[in-house]
Amino acid sequence: MIVSFTGDPFLARRAAQAEAELRGLEWRLLPPEPMTVQQAAGGGLFGPGGAIVDLREVGEAEWKALRPVLEALPQESVVLLYDPKPTAARSRWLGKHSEKRDHPTPRYREKTRWVTNEMKRMGLKAPAAVAHYLGELEADLEAIHAELEKLTLLDVPLTLERVQAVVALEPPLSSFDLVDAAAAGRFERAMKLLRGLLDRGEEPLRILGALSKHFTRAAVLWAELERRNLTDKEAAALLKLHPFAAKKLLAFARRIDEARLLRALDALAEAEKAAKTGRDPVLALERALLALRG
């Protein structure tokens, strides 16, 4: 029997480890060497064997040599394949010849929900804003999980400010501080924030994209506010965002007027066009922030 684990590296490995424990196998990743896998899976005097094979770095030639060995194994042999990111061809083979268990990386709200569930599983009690903050970090699940384990060593209560001070990961890219500084006419503050993001390695186009998304979402809320009042919960449902982020956007939408909103959208569209047609993207960003002031 062959069981494969694909998808997010952390989730796939954890699922494979749980399956190995269930089947009484020692967690030991074997290289994709045909003879090694065949010997481990073949068993011996004490019953059928089992192998856990690491396919993360397997080359096409190695896979071509291993494949017939896997196909020829007796049904009673147990082989677990740890293969987070298989090629398209290998993925098709896994679907045909193994019990394929895919564990995709959660995104956006799903990632925040994953963090929330991990915190519950680990007995961590904290405000919802903590899970939202951790869920937006530009880090993989393994890194976030390591930070959660660190948080279990702290004394309660866990506040957002305390978590932000302890977590050793880059904070998520946020357009709120940039927008607030520019909208308040604090151009020097906005430029300082921009330089900080660029020095940290953020791509100018990505920053522009975050700003554009911010104002596009604000425009949706502004238009809806023209028709009716909105609660934070309704705004979150409308934008499909976590309530923590929706609340901030809703407050921003209530403050901005139509003329400034349209001017901001035009400025950002022009900045993205300039950046995508070979002109200096940083200069385009600076001009966009200047336009957002008025």
Protein backbone atom coordinates (compact mmCIF):
# COMPACT_ATOMS: atom_id res chain seq x y z
CA MET A 1 0.00 0.00 0.00
CA ILE A 2 1.39 3.40 -1.00
CA VAL A 3 0.18 6.60 0.67
CA SER A 4 1.46 9.95 -0.61
CA PHE A 5 1.42 13.30 1.15
CA THR A 6 1.44 16.45 -0.98
CA GLY A 7 0.71 20.15 -0.55
CA ASP A 8 2.07 22.42 2.14
CA PRO A 9 5.43 21.03 3.36
CA PHE A 10 4.60 21.48 7.04
CA LEU A 11 1.07 20.08 6.84
CA ALA A 12 2.11 17.20 4.58
CA ARG A 13 5.00 16.22 6.87
CA ARG A 14 2.84 16.37 9.97
CA ALA A 15 0.19 14.20 8.32
CA ALA A 16 2.85 11.72 7.19
CA GLN A 17 4.28 11.58 10.71
CA ALA A 18 0.83 10.89 12.14
CA GLU A 19 0.29 8.09 9.61
CA ALA A 20 3.70 6.60 10.39
CA GLU A 21 2.90 6.57 14.10
CA LEU A 22 -0.49 4.98 13.41
CA ARG A 23 1.19 2.20 11.45
CA GLY A 24 3.99 1.70 13.95
CA LEU A 25 6.72 2.99 11.66
CA GLU A 26 9.76 4.85 12.92
CA TRP A 27 9.87 8.35 11.46
CA ARG A 28 12.96 8.07 9.28
CA LEU A 29 13.00 9.66 5.84
CA LEU A 30 14.73 7.48 3.27
CA PRO A 31 16.40 8.81 0.12
CA PRO A 32 14.69 7.85 -3.17
CA GLU A 33 17.14 5.03 -3.85
CA PRO A 34 15.42 1.95 -5.38
CA MET A 35 17.42 -0.67 -3.46
CA THR A 36 17.06 1.13 -0.10
CA VAL A 37 13.31 1.57 -0.54
CA GLN A 38 12.84 -2.01 -1.72
CA GLN A 39 14.72 -3.44 1.26
CA ALA A 40 12.86 -1.27 3.80
CA ALA A 41 9.44 -1.99 2.31
CA GLY A 42 10.07 -5.68 1.74
CA GLY A 43 9.88 -6.67 5.39
CA GLY A 44 11.49 -9.70 6.91
CA LEU A 45 11.06 -12.40 9.52
CA PHE A 46 8.91 -10.24 11.73
CA GLY A 47 6.31 -9.29 9.13
CA PRO A 48 5.74 -6.77 6.37
CA GLY A 49 8.03 -3.79 6.17
CA GLY A 50 7.47 -0.09 5.75
CA ALA A 51 9.33 2.80 4.22
CA ILE A 52 8.96 6.58 4.40
CA VAL A 53 10.50 8.12 1.29
CA ASP A 54 11.56 11.74 0.89
CA LEU A 55 10.79 12.91 -2.66
CA ARG A 56 11.37 16.63 -2.12
CA GLU A 57 14.59 16.79 -4.10
CA VAL A 58 14.09 13.79 -6.39
CA GLY A 59 15.28 14.31 -9.95
CA GLU A 60 13.58 12.94 -13.04
CA ALA A 61 16.20 10.20 -13.49
CA GLU A 62 15.92 9.13 -9.84
CA TRP A 63 12.14 9.06 -10.04
CA LYS A 64 12.23 7.06 -13.26
CA ALA A 65 14.39 4.42 -11.51
CA LEU A 66 12.24 4.34 -8.35
CA ARG A 67 8.84 4.19 -10.02
CA PRO A 68 8.96 0.52 -11.21
CA VAL A 69 10.17 -0.57 -7.77
CA LEU A 70 7.16 1.09 -6.14
CA GLU A 71 4.80 -0.41 -8.69
CA ALA A 72 6.17 -3.92 -8.06
CA LEU A 73 5.87 -3.85 -4.25
CA PRO A 74 3.51 -6.39 -2.71
CA GLN A 75 0.16 -5.05 -1.53
CA GLU A 76 0.96 -5.71 2.13
CA SER A 77 4.03 -3.44 2.08
CA VAL A 78 3.50 0.07 3.40
CA VAL A 79 5.26 2.98 1.74
CA LEU A 80 4.67 6.61 2.71
CA LEU A 81 5.80 9.16 0.12
CA TYR A 82 6.57 12.65 1.40
CA ASP A 83 6.26 14.74 -1.75
CA PRO A 84 4.98 18.27 -1.02
CA LYS A 85 5.47 19.71 -4.49
CA PRO A 86 5.39 16.91 -7.09
CA THR A 87 5.70 17.66 -10.79
CA ALA A 88 2.50 17.44 -12.82
CA ALA A 89 3.49 14.04 -14.21
CA ARG A 90 4.42 12.65 -10.79
CA SER A 91 1.21 14.05 -9.32
CA ARG A 92 -0.79 12.07 -11.90
CA TRP A 93 1.18 8.92 -11.01
CA LEU A 94 0.52 9.46 -7.31
CA GLY A 95 -3.18 9.86 -8.03
CA LYS A 96 -3.24 6.57 -9.89
CA HIS A 97 -0.88 4.39 -7.82
CA SER A 98 -1.21 5.75 -4.29
CA GLU A 99 -3.72 6.93 -1.78
CA LYS A 100 -3.00 10.58 -2.37
CA ARG A 101 -3.59 12.95 0.54
CA ASP A 102 -3.21 16.57 -0.43
CA HIS A 103 -2.78 19.28 2.19
CA PRO A 104 -2.89 22.67 0.42
CA THR A 105 -1.42 25.73 2.10
CA PRO A 106 -4.25 27.79 3.61
CA ARG A 107 -4.55 31.33 2.26
CA TYR A 108 -6.03 34.55 3.58
CA ARG A 109 -8.96 33.83 5.93
CA GLU A 110 -8.20 30.11 5.85
CA LYS A 111 -4.68 30.80 7.10
CA THR A 112 -6.04 32.89 9.98
CA ARG A 113 -8.49 30.08 10.77
CA TRP A 114 -5.58 27.61 10.76
CA VAL A 115 -3.67 29.80 13.25
CA THR A 116 -6.79 30.03 15.44
CA ASN A 117 -7.18 26.25 15.46
CA GLU A 118 -3.48 25.74 16.23
CA MET A 119 -3.74 28.16 19.14
CA LYS A 120 -6.74 26.25 20.52
CA ARG A 121 -4.92 22.95 20.10
CA MET A 122 -1.92 24.34 21.98
CA GLY A 123 -4.04 25.91 24.72
CA LEU A 124 -3.12 29.48 23.81
CA LYS A 125 -5.69 32.08 24.78
CA ALA A 126 -5.43 35.48 23.11
CA PRO A 127 -7.61 38.11 21.42
CA ALA A 128 -8.78 37.37 17.86
CA ALA A 129 -6.46 40.13 16.65
CA VAL A 130 -3.46 37.93 17.54
CA ALA A 131 -4.56 35.14 15.19
CA HIS A 132 -5.27 37.71 12.49
CA TYR A 133 -1.80 39.24 12.92
CA LEU A 134 -0.04 35.87 12.79
CA GLY A 135 -2.18 34.74 9.86
CA GLU A 136 -1.06 37.73 7.80
CA LEU A 137 2.65 37.22 8.41
CA GLU A 138 4.71 36.65 5.28
CA ALA A 139 6.01 33.36 6.60
CA ASP A 140 5.37 29.67 6.02
CA LEU A 141 3.31 27.57 8.41
CA GLU A 142 6.34 25.94 9.99
CA ALA A 143 7.80 29.31 10.96
CA ILE A 144 4.46 30.49 12.36
CA HIS A 145 4.06 27.23 14.28
CA ALA A 146 7.52 27.72 15.80
CA GLU A 147 6.45 31.17 17.00
CA LEU A 148 3.26 29.70 18.50
CA GLU A 149 5.37 27.21 20.43
CA LYS A 150 7.41 30.14 21.72
CA LEU A 151 4.23 31.86 22.88
CA THR A 152 3.27 28.85 25.00
CA LEU A 153 6.28 29.64 27.21
CA LEU A 154 5.00 33.13 28.06
CA ASP A 155 2.88 34.03 31.03
CA VAL A 156 -0.70 35.01 30.28
CA PRO A 157 -2.38 37.22 29.26
CA LEU A 158 -1.25 37.36 25.64
CA THR A 159 -2.00 40.74 24.11
CA LEU A 160 -1.46 41.75 20.50
CA GLU A 161 1.27 44.19 21.54
CA ARG A 162 3.09 41.51 23.52
CA VAL A 163 2.90 39.01 20.68
CA GLN A 164 4.19 41.58 18.18
CA ALA A 165 7.14 42.27 20.47
CA VAL A 166 8.02 38.59 20.84
CA VAL A 167 7.41 37.15 17.38
CA ALA A 168 10.67 37.06 15.41
CA LEU A 169 9.11 37.33 11.95
CA GLU A 170 8.62 40.24 9.62
CA PRO A 171 5.25 41.94 10.15
CA PRO A 172 2.79 41.72 7.27
CA LEU A 173 2.84 44.33 4.55
CA SER A 174 0.19 46.83 5.59
CA SER A 175 -1.11 49.73 3.55
CA PHE A 176 -2.91 51.28 6.52
CA ASP A 177 0.07 53.15 7.98
CA LEU A 178 1.13 54.44 4.56
CA VAL A 179 -2.39 55.56 3.67
CA ASP A 180 -3.03 57.15 7.07
CA ALA A 181 0.21 59.13 6.89
CA ALA A 182 -0.37 60.31 3.32
CA ALA A 183 -4.05 61.09 3.88
CA ALA A 184 -3.17 63.15 6.95
CA GLY A 185 -0.78 65.23 4.88
CA ARG A 186 2.27 63.73 6.62
CA PHE A 187 4.21 63.17 3.43
CA GLU A 188 7.57 62.86 5.20
CA ARG A 189 6.13 60.16 7.49
CA ALA A 190 4.67 58.33 4.47
CA MET A 191 8.02 58.48 2.69
CA LYS A 192 9.81 57.15 5.76
CA LEU A 193 7.40 54.22 5.92
CA LEU A 194 7.86 53.59 2.21
CA ARG A 195 11.65 53.60 2.54
CA GLY A 196 11.40 51.20 5.45
CA LEU A 197 9.38 48.75 3.36
CA LEU A 198 11.77 49.04 0.41
CA ASP A 199 14.83 48.59 2.64
CA ARG A 200 13.18 45.45 4.01
CA GLY A 201 13.08 44.05 0.50
CA GLU A 202 9.45 44.67 -0.41
CA GLU A 203 8.83 45.00 -4.14
CA PRO A 204 7.52 48.42 -5.28
CA LEU A 205 4.81 46.79 -7.38
CA ARG A 206 3.67 44.77 -4.41
CA ILE A 207 3.38 47.92 -2.30
CA LEU A 208 1.42 49.58 -5.08
CA GLY A 209 -0.81 46.53 -5.25
CA ALA A 210 -1.45 46.69 -1.50
CA LEU A 211 -2.34 50.39 -1.72
CA SER A 212 -4.62 49.78 -4.71
CA LYS A 213 -6.38 46.94 -2.92
CA HIS A 214 -6.83 49.16 0.13
CA PHE A 215 -8.55 51.91 -1.84
CA THR A 216 -10.55 49.51 -4.00
CA ARG A 217 -11.98 47.87 -0.90
CA ALA A 218 -12.59 51.27 0.66
CA ALA A 219 -14.48 52.27 -2.49
CA VAL A 220 -16.74 49.22 -2.16
CA LEU A 221 -17.52 50.12 1.45
CA TRP A 222 -17.96 53.83 0.61
CA ALA A 223 -20.52 53.01 -2.10
CA GLU A 224 -22.39 50.70 0.26
CA LEU A 225 -22.37 53.35 2.99
CA GLU A 226 -24.14 55.68 0.56
CA ARG A 227 -27.07 53.26 0.62
CA ARG A 228 -27.10 52.06 4.21
CA ASN A 229 -25.18 51.90 7.43
CA LEU A 230 -22.76 49.01 7.83
CA THR A 231 -21.61 47.12 10.89
CA ASP A 232 -18.10 45.75 11.19
CA LYS A 233 -19.48 42.23 10.73
CA GLU A 234 -21.38 43.22 7.56
CA ALA A 235 -18.27 44.90 6.15
CA ALA A 236 -16.22 41.77 6.82
CA ALA A 237 -18.81 39.60 5.05
CA LEU A 238 -19.00 42.00 2.09
CA LEU A 239 -15.23 42.09 1.59
CA LYS A 240 -14.61 38.50 2.77
CA LEU A 241 -12.05 39.80 5.25
CA HIS A 242 -11.29 39.17 8.89
CA PRO A 243 -13.38 41.54 11.08
CA PHE A 244 -10.20 43.10 12.46
CA ALA A 245 -9.14 44.35 9.00
CA ALA A 246 -12.70 45.14 7.90
CA LYS A 247 -13.22 47.37 10.93
CA LYS A 248 -10.20 49.52 10.03
CA LEU A 249 -11.27 49.76 6.39
CA LEU A 250 -14.81 50.70 7.36
CA ALA A 251 -13.53 53.51 9.59
CA PHE A 252 -11.38 54.74 6.70
CA ALA A 253 -14.30 54.59 4.25
CA ARG A 254 -16.41 56.68 6.61
CA ARG A 255 -13.73 59.40 6.73
CA ILE A 256 -12.91 59.77 3.05
CA ASP A 257 -15.02 61.76 0.57
CA GLU A 258 -15.82 60.81 -3.02
CA ALA A 259 -13.47 63.32 -4.65
CA ARG A 260 -10.43 62.17 -2.66
CA LEU A 261 -11.32 58.52 -3.18
CA LEU A 262 -11.53 58.93 -6.96
CA ARG A 263 -8.32 60.97 -7.01
CA ALA A 264 -6.53 58.27 -5.04
CA LEU A 265 -7.74 55.49 -7.35
CA ASP A 266 -6.66 57.50 -10.42
CA ALA A 267 -3.24 58.21 -8.90
CA LEU A 268 -2.64 54.56 -8.04
CA ALA A 269 -3.79 53.37 -11.48
CA GLU A 270 -1.38 55.82 -13.10
CA ALA A 271 1.44 54.72 -10.77
CA GLU A 272 0.88 51.03 -11.59
CA LYS A 273 0.80 51.82 -15.30
CA ALA A 274 4.06 53.75 -15.02
CA ALA A 275 5.74 50.99 -13.01
CA LYS A 276 4.61 48.28 -15.43
CA THR A 277 5.73 50.13 -18.56
CA GLY A 278 9.38 50.43 -17.64
CA ARG A 279 9.39 53.67 -15.70
CA ASP A 280 10.91 53.96 -12.23
CA PRO A 281 8.49 52.10 -9.90
CA VAL A 282 9.82 53.85 -6.78
CA LEU A 283 9.28 57.26 -8.37
CA ALA A 284 5.77 56.15 -9.35
CA LEU A 285 5.12 55.18 -5.74
CA GLU A 286 6.39 58.52 -4.42
CA ARG A 287 4.16 60.41 -6.85
CA ALA A 288 1.18 58.28 -5.84
CA LEU A 289 1.76 59.06 -2.15
CA LEU A 290 2.03 62.73 -2.99
CA ALA A 291 -1.31 62.56 -4.82
CA LEU A 292 -2.95 60.78 -1.89
CA ARG A 293 -2.34 63.75 0.36
CA GLY A 294 -4.75 66.19 -1.20
